[in-house]
């Protein structure tokens, strides 16, 4: 699996799907006051893992908070 850490979420998902990964789960990490803003295509991937169920789990943060 390609390392997509540091990439924009939109680009990371596109690259992973190109590699054949269809099941992608996105989780946001943020300070408590910014958690309700959610993530968007410009969020950055800070960690990725492949679960036992072949799901790519991406942890993202927002740069423009």
PDB file of N, CA and C in Angstrom:
ATOM      1  N   UNK A   1       0.846  -1.172   0.000  1.00  0.00           N
ATOM      2  CA  UNK A   1       0.000   0.000   0.000  1.00  0.00           C
ATOM      3  C   UNK A   1       0.897   1.243   0.000  1.00  0.00           C
ATOM      4  N   UNK A   2       0.560   2.180  -0.843  1.00  0.00           N
ATOM      5  CA  UNK A   2       1.299   3.436  -0.934  1.00  0.00           C
ATOM      6  C   UNK A   2       1.126   4.253   0.353  1.00  0.00           C
ATOM      7  N   UNK A   3       2.183   4.905   0.793  1.00  0.00           N
ATOM      8  CA  UNK A   3       2.112   5.796   1.953  1.00  0.00           C
ATOM      9  C   UNK A   3       1.515   7.120   1.499  1.00  0.00           C
ATOM     10  N   UNK A   4       0.351   7.482   2.056  1.00  0.00           N
ATOM     11  CA  UNK A   4      -0.322   8.726   1.673  1.00  0.00           C
ATOM     12  C   UNK A   4      -0.255   9.770   2.784  1.00  0.00           C
ATOM     13  N   UNK A   5       0.569   9.530   3.788  1.00  0.00           N
ATOM     14  CA  UNK A   5       0.728  10.489   4.883  1.00  0.00           C
ATOM     15  C   UNK A   5       1.195  11.833   4.345  1.00  0.00           C
ATOM     16  N   UNK A   6       0.588  12.901   4.840  1.00  0.00           N
ATOM     17  CA  UNK A   6       0.955  14.250   4.427  1.00  0.00           C
ATOM     18  C   UNK A   6       0.178  14.744   3.218  1.00  0.00           C
ATOM     19  N   UNK A   7      -0.526  13.865   2.551  1.00  0.00           N
ATOM     20  CA  UNK A   7      -1.294  14.271   1.364  1.00  0.00           C
ATOM     21  C   UNK A   7      -2.662  14.806   1.752  1.00  0.00           C
ATOM     22  N   UNK A   8      -3.231  15.594   0.839  1.00  0.00           N
ATOM     23  CA  UNK A   8      -4.607  16.053   1.023  1.00  0.00           C
ATOM     24  C   UNK A   8      -5.517  14.833   0.988  1.00  0.00           C
ATOM     25  N   UNK A   9      -6.571  14.856   1.784  1.00  0.00           N
ATOM     26  CA  UNK A   9      -7.483  13.729   1.883  1.00  0.00           C
ATOM     27  C   UNK A   9      -8.027  13.326   0.521  1.00  0.00           C
ATOM     28  N   UNK A  10      -8.425  14.290  -0.260  1.00  0.00           N
ATOM     29  CA  UNK A  10      -8.973  14.017  -1.590  1.00  0.00           C
ATOM     30  C   UNK A  10      -7.971  13.239  -2.455  1.00  0.00           C
ATOM     31  N   UNK A  11      -6.718  13.661  -2.434  1.00  0.00           N
ATOM     32  CA  UNK A  11      -5.674  12.988  -3.219  1.00  0.00           C
ATOM     33  C   UNK A  11      -5.376  11.595  -2.665  1.00  0.00           C
ATOM     34  N   UNK A  12      -5.339  11.482  -1.343  1.00  0.00           N
ATOM     35  CA  UNK A  12      -5.047  10.200  -0.707  1.00  0.00           C
ATOM     36  C   UNK A  12      -6.104   9.160  -1.070  1.00  0.00           C
ATOM     37  N   UNK A  13      -7.372   9.547  -1.007  1.00  0.00           N
ATOM     38  CA  UNK A  13      -8.447   8.619  -1.341  1.00  0.00           C
ATOM     39  C   UNK A  13      -8.366   8.210  -2.807  1.00  0.00           C
ATOM     40  N   UNK A  14      -8.105   9.152  -3.677  1.00  0.00           N
ATOM     41  CA  UNK A  14      -8.002   8.863  -5.112  1.00  0.00           C
ATOM     42  C   UNK A  14      -6.869   7.854  -5.368  1.00  0.00           C
ATOM     43  N   UNK A  15      -5.702   8.073  -4.750  1.00  0.00           N
ATOM     44  CA  UNK A  15      -4.567   7.173  -4.935  1.00  0.00           C
ATOM     45  C   UNK A  15      -4.843   5.778  -4.376  1.00  0.00           C
ATOM     46  N   UNK A  16      -5.473   5.711  -3.218  1.00  0.00           N
ATOM     47  CA  UNK A  16      -5.769   4.412  -2.622  1.00  0.00           C
ATOM     48  C   UNK A  16      -6.789   3.642  -3.452  1.00  0.00           C
ATOM     49  N   UNK A  17      -7.790   4.335  -3.970  1.00  0.00           N
ATOM     50  CA  UNK A  17      -8.788   3.667  -4.818  1.00  0.00           C
ATOM     51  C   UNK A  17      -8.148   3.188  -6.117  1.00  0.00           C
ATOM     52  N   UNK A  18      -7.208   3.953  -6.651  1.00  0.00           N
ATOM     53  CA  UNK A  18      -6.487   3.548  -7.853  1.00  0.00           C
ATOM     54  C   UNK A  18      -5.715   2.249  -7.608  1.00  0.00           C
ATOM     55  N   UNK A  19      -5.240   2.068  -6.376  1.00  0.00           N
ATOM     56  CA  UNK A  19      -4.517   0.852  -6.002  1.00  0.00           C
ATOM     57  C   UNK A  19      -5.457  -0.309  -5.692  1.00  0.00           C
ATOM     58  N   UNK A  20      -6.761  -0.054  -5.707  1.00  0.00           N
ATOM     59  CA  UNK A  20      -7.725  -1.134  -5.485  1.00  0.00           C
ATOM     60  C   UNK A  20      -8.356  -1.169  -4.108  1.00  0.00           C
ATOM     61  N   UNK A  21      -8.035  -0.218  -3.250  1.00  0.00           N
ATOM     62  CA  UNK A  21      -8.636  -0.159  -1.920  1.00  0.00           C
ATOM     63  C   UNK A  21      -9.951   0.609  -2.006  1.00  0.00           C
ATOM     64  N   UNK A  22     -11.060  -0.101  -1.812  1.00  0.00           N
ATOM     65  CA  UNK A  22     -12.384   0.524  -1.919  1.00  0.00           C
ATOM     66  C   UNK A  22     -12.957   0.906  -0.565  1.00  0.00           C
ATOM     67  N   UNK A  23     -12.530   0.224   0.475  1.00  0.00           N
ATOM     68  CA  UNK A  23     -13.075   0.488   1.816  1.00  0.00           C
ATOM     69  C   UNK A  23     -12.105   1.390   2.578  1.00  0.00           C
ATOM     70  N   UNK A  24     -12.509   2.643   2.744  1.00  0.00           N
ATOM     71  CA  UNK A  24     -11.666   3.649   3.388  1.00  0.00           C
ATOM     72  C   UNK A  24     -12.468   4.313   4.488  1.00  0.00           C
ATOM     73  N   UNK A  25     -11.908   4.345   5.680  1.00  0.00           N
ATOM     74  CA  UNK A  25     -12.552   4.970   6.835  1.00  0.00           C
ATOM     75  C   UNK A  25     -11.729   6.177   7.236  1.00  0.00           C
ATOM     76  N   UNK A  26     -12.377   7.314   7.435  1.00  0.00           N
ATOM     77  CA  UNK A  26     -11.685   8.557   7.777  1.00  0.00           C
ATOM     78  C   UNK A  26     -12.089   8.989   9.179  1.00  0.00           C
ATOM     79  N   UNK A  27     -11.084   9.318   9.995  1.00  0.00           N
ATOM     80  CA  UNK A  27     -11.303   9.810  11.349  1.00  0.00           C
ATOM     81  C   UNK A  27     -10.569  11.133  11.498  1.00  0.00           C
ATOM     82  N   UNK A  28     -11.222  12.098  12.135  1.00  0.00           N
ATOM     83  CA  UNK A  28     -10.640  13.426  12.342  1.00  0.00           C
ATOM     84  C   UNK A  28     -10.045  13.531  13.730  1.00  0.00           C
ATOM     85  N   UNK A  29      -8.872  14.135  13.813  1.00  0.00           N
ATOM     86  CA  UNK A  29      -8.309  14.509  15.097  1.00  0.00           C
ATOM     87  C   UNK A  29      -8.216  16.037  15.109  1.00  0.00           C
ATOM     88  N   UNK A  30      -8.660  16.633  16.199  1.00  0.00           N
ATOM     89  CA  UNK A  30      -8.671  18.096  16.313  1.00  0.00           C
ATOM     90  C   UNK A  30      -8.822  18.482  17.777  1.00  0.00           C
ATOM     91  N   UNK A  31      -8.542  19.725  18.063  1.00  0.00           N
ATOM     92  CA  UNK A  31      -8.757  20.208  19.423  1.00  0.00           C
ATOM     93  C   UNK A  31     -10.262  20.203  19.701  1.00  0.00           C
ATOM     94  N   UNK A  32     -10.660  20.133  20.958  1.00  0.00           N
ATOM     95  CA  UNK A  32     -12.091  20.055  21.282  1.00  0.00           C
ATOM     96  C   UNK A  32     -12.933  21.166  20.662  1.00  0.00           C
ATOM     97  N   UNK A  33     -12.415  22.353  20.550  1.00  0.00           N
ATOM     98  CA  UNK A  33     -13.222  23.451  20.009  1.00  0.00           C
ATOM     99  C   UNK A  33     -13.389  23.382  18.485  1.00  0.00           C
ATOM    100  N   UNK A  34     -12.595  22.547  17.820  1.00  0.00           N
ATOM    101  CA  UNK A  34     -12.670  22.451  16.364  1.00  0.00           C
ATOM    102  C   UNK A  34     -13.238  21.123  15.860  1.00  0.00           C
ATOM    103  N   UNK A  35     -13.569  20.200  16.764  1.00  0.00           N
ATOM    104  CA  UNK A  35     -14.039  18.880  16.335  1.00  0.00           C
ATOM    105  C   UNK A  35     -15.341  18.929  15.556  1.00  0.00           C
ATOM    106  N   UNK A  36     -16.201  19.867  15.873  1.00  0.00           N
ATOM    107  CA  UNK A  36     -17.506  19.912  15.211  1.00  0.00           C
ATOM    108  C   UNK A  36     -17.422  20.424  13.770  1.00  0.00           C
ATOM    109  N   UNK A  37     -16.262  20.922  13.341  1.00  0.00           N
ATOM    110  CA  UNK A  37     -16.117  21.421  11.972  1.00  0.00           C
ATOM    111  C   UNK A  37     -15.958  20.288  10.958  1.00  0.00           C
ATOM    112  N   UNK A  38     -15.607  19.090  11.422  1.00  0.00           N
ATOM    113  CA  UNK A  38     -15.461  17.955  10.528  1.00  0.00           C
ATOM    114  C   UNK A  38     -14.243  18.075   9.624  1.00  0.00           C
ATOM    115  N   UNK A  39     -14.170  17.185   8.651  1.00  0.00           N
ATOM    116  CA  UNK A  39     -13.050  17.197   7.708  1.00  0.00           C
ATOM    117  C   UNK A  39     -13.583  17.483   6.320  1.00  0.00           C
ATOM    118  N   UNK A  40     -12.665  17.854   5.419  1.00  0.00           N
ATOM    119  CA  UNK A  40     -13.050  18.136   4.041  1.00  0.00           C
ATOM    120  C   UNK A  40     -11.932  17.650   3.113  1.00  0.00           C
ATOM    121  N   UNK A  41     -12.068  17.929   1.849  1.00  0.00           N
ATOM    122  CA  UNK A  41     -11.095  17.444   0.860  1.00  0.00           C
ATOM    123  C   UNK A  41      -9.689  17.984   1.110  1.00  0.00           C
ATOM    124  N   UNK A  42      -9.574  19.144   1.783  1.00  0.00           N
ATOM    125  CA  UNK A  42      -8.264  19.739   2.040  1.00  0.00           C
ATOM    126  C   UNK A  42      -7.616  19.268   3.340  1.00  0.00           C
ATOM    127  N   UNK A  43      -8.305  18.445   4.108  1.00  0.00           N
ATOM    128  CA  UNK A  43      -7.706  17.888   5.322  1.00  0.00           C
ATOM    129  C   UNK A  43      -6.483  17.064   4.936  1.00  0.00           C
ATOM    130  N   UNK A  44      -5.527  16.955   5.843  1.00  0.00           N
ATOM    131  CA  UNK A  44      -4.280  16.216   5.560  1.00  0.00           C
ATOM    132  C   UNK A  44      -4.240  14.907   6.336  1.00  0.00           C
ATOM    133  N   UNK A  45      -3.736  13.877   5.689  1.00  0.00           N
ATOM    134  CA  UNK A  45      -3.588  12.565   6.318  1.00  0.00           C
ATOM    135  C   UNK A  45      -2.361  12.607   7.215  1.00  0.00           C
ATOM    136  N   UNK A  46      -2.537  12.202   8.474  1.00  0.00           N
ATOM    137  CA  UNK A  46      -1.388  12.174   9.383  1.00  0.00           C
ATOM    138  C   UNK A  46      -1.005  10.743   9.766  1.00  0.00           C
ATOM    139  N   UNK A  47      -1.930   9.785   9.511  1.00  0.00           N
ATOM    140  CA  UNK A  47      -1.603   8.380   9.784  1.00  0.00           C
ATOM    141  C   UNK A  47      -2.517   7.491   8.950  1.00  0.00           C
ATOM    142  N   UNK A  48      -2.016   6.331   8.577  1.00  0.00           N
ATOM    143  CA  UNK A  48      -2.828   5.358   7.856  1.00  0.00           C
ATOM    144  C   UNK A  48      -2.530   3.973   8.382  1.00  0.00           C
ATOM    145  N   UNK A  49      -3.548   3.130   8.394  1.00  0.00           N
ATOM    146  CA  UNK A  49      -3.393   1.742   8.810  1.00  0.00           C
ATOM    147  C   UNK A  49      -4.309   0.879   7.966  1.00  0.00           C
ATOM    148  N   UNK A  50      -3.942  -0.371   7.787  1.00  0.00           N
ATOM    149  CA  UNK A  50      -4.776  -1.339   7.090  1.00  0.00           C
ATOM    150  C   UNK A  50      -5.289  -2.319   8.130  1.00  0.00           C
ATOM    151  N   UNK A  51      -6.607  -2.379   8.306  1.00  0.00           N
ATOM    152  CA  UNK A  51      -7.202  -3.253   9.320  1.00  0.00           C
ATOM    153  C   UNK A  51      -7.256  -4.698   8.832  1.00  0.00           C
ATOM    154  N   UNK A  52      -7.616  -5.600   9.740  1.00  0.00           N
ATOM    155  CA  UNK A  52      -7.747  -7.018   9.414  1.00  0.00           C
ATOM    156  C   UNK A  52      -8.859  -7.262   8.396  1.00  0.00           C
ATOM    157  N   UNK A  53      -9.839  -6.365   8.326  1.00  0.00           N
ATOM    158  CA  UNK A  53     -10.949  -6.494   7.388  1.00  0.00           C
ATOM    159  C   UNK A  53     -10.651  -5.820   6.052  1.00  0.00           C
ATOM    160  N   UNK A  54      -9.388  -5.500   5.792  1.00  0.00           N
ATOM    161  CA  UNK A  54      -8.944  -4.851   4.555  1.00  0.00           C
ATOM    162  C   UNK A  54      -9.567  -3.462   4.371  1.00  0.00           C
ATOM    163  N   UNK A  55      -9.719  -2.745   5.476  1.00  0.00           N
ATOM    164  CA  UNK A  55     -10.209  -1.366   5.460  1.00  0.00           C
ATOM    165  C   UNK A  55      -9.015  -0.462   5.712  1.00  0.00           C
ATOM    166  N   UNK A  56      -8.838   0.545   4.856  1.00  0.00           N
ATOM    167  CA  UNK A  56      -7.773   1.516   5.072  1.00  0.00           C
ATOM    168  C   UNK A  56      -8.331   2.581   6.023  1.00  0.00           C
ATOM    169  N   UNK A  57      -7.674   2.751   7.154  1.00  0.00           N
ATOM    170  CA  UNK A  57      -8.103   3.728   8.150  1.00  0.00           C
ATOM    171  C   UNK A  57      -7.174   4.931   8.067  1.00  0.00           C
ATOM    172  N   UNK A  58      -7.748   6.093   7.782  1.00  0.00           N
ATOM    173  CA  UNK A  58      -6.968   7.325   7.669  1.00  0.00           C
ATOM    174  C   UNK A  58      -7.304   8.250   8.830  1.00  0.00           C
ATOM    175  N   UNK A  59      -6.293   8.757   9.506  1.00  0.00           N
ATOM    176  CA  UNK A  59      -6.455   9.774  10.530  1.00  0.00           C
ATOM    177  C   UNK A  59      -6.067  11.090   9.902  1.00  0.00           C
ATOM    178  N   UNK A  60      -6.961  12.076   9.946  1.00  0.00           N
ATOM    179  CA  UNK A  60      -6.716  13.350   9.285  1.00  0.00           C
ATOM    180  C   UNK A  60      -6.844  14.516  10.259  1.00  0.00           C
ATOM    181  N   UNK A  61      -6.238  15.637   9.871  1.00  0.00           N
ATOM    182  CA  UNK A  61      -6.377  16.891  10.605  1.00  0.00           C
ATOM    183  C   UNK A  61      -6.607  18.004   9.599  1.00  0.00           C
ATOM    184  N   UNK A  62      -7.164  19.101  10.061  1.00  0.00           N
ATOM    185  CA  UNK A  62      -7.399  20.254   9.205  1.00  0.00           C
ATOM    186  C   UNK A  62      -6.267  21.245   9.375  1.00  0.00           C
ATOM    187  N   UNK A  63      -5.761  21.756   8.279  1.00  0.00           N
ATOM    188  CA  UNK A  63      -4.685  22.753   8.338  1.00  0.00           C
ATOM    189  C   UNK A  63      -5.217  24.146   8.590  1.00  0.00           C
ATOM    190  N   UNK A  64      -6.312  24.481   7.974  1.00  0.00           N
ATOM    191  CA  UNK A  64      -6.897  25.819   8.111  1.00  0.00           C
ATOM    192  C   UNK A  64      -7.999  25.797   9.138  1.00  0.00           C
ATOM    193  N   UNK A  65      -7.601  25.899  10.411  1.00  0.00           N
ATOM    194  CA  UNK A  65      -8.581  25.822  11.493  1.00  0.00           C
ATOM    195  C   UNK A  65      -8.858  27.173  12.072  1.00  0.00           C
TER     196      UNK A  65
END
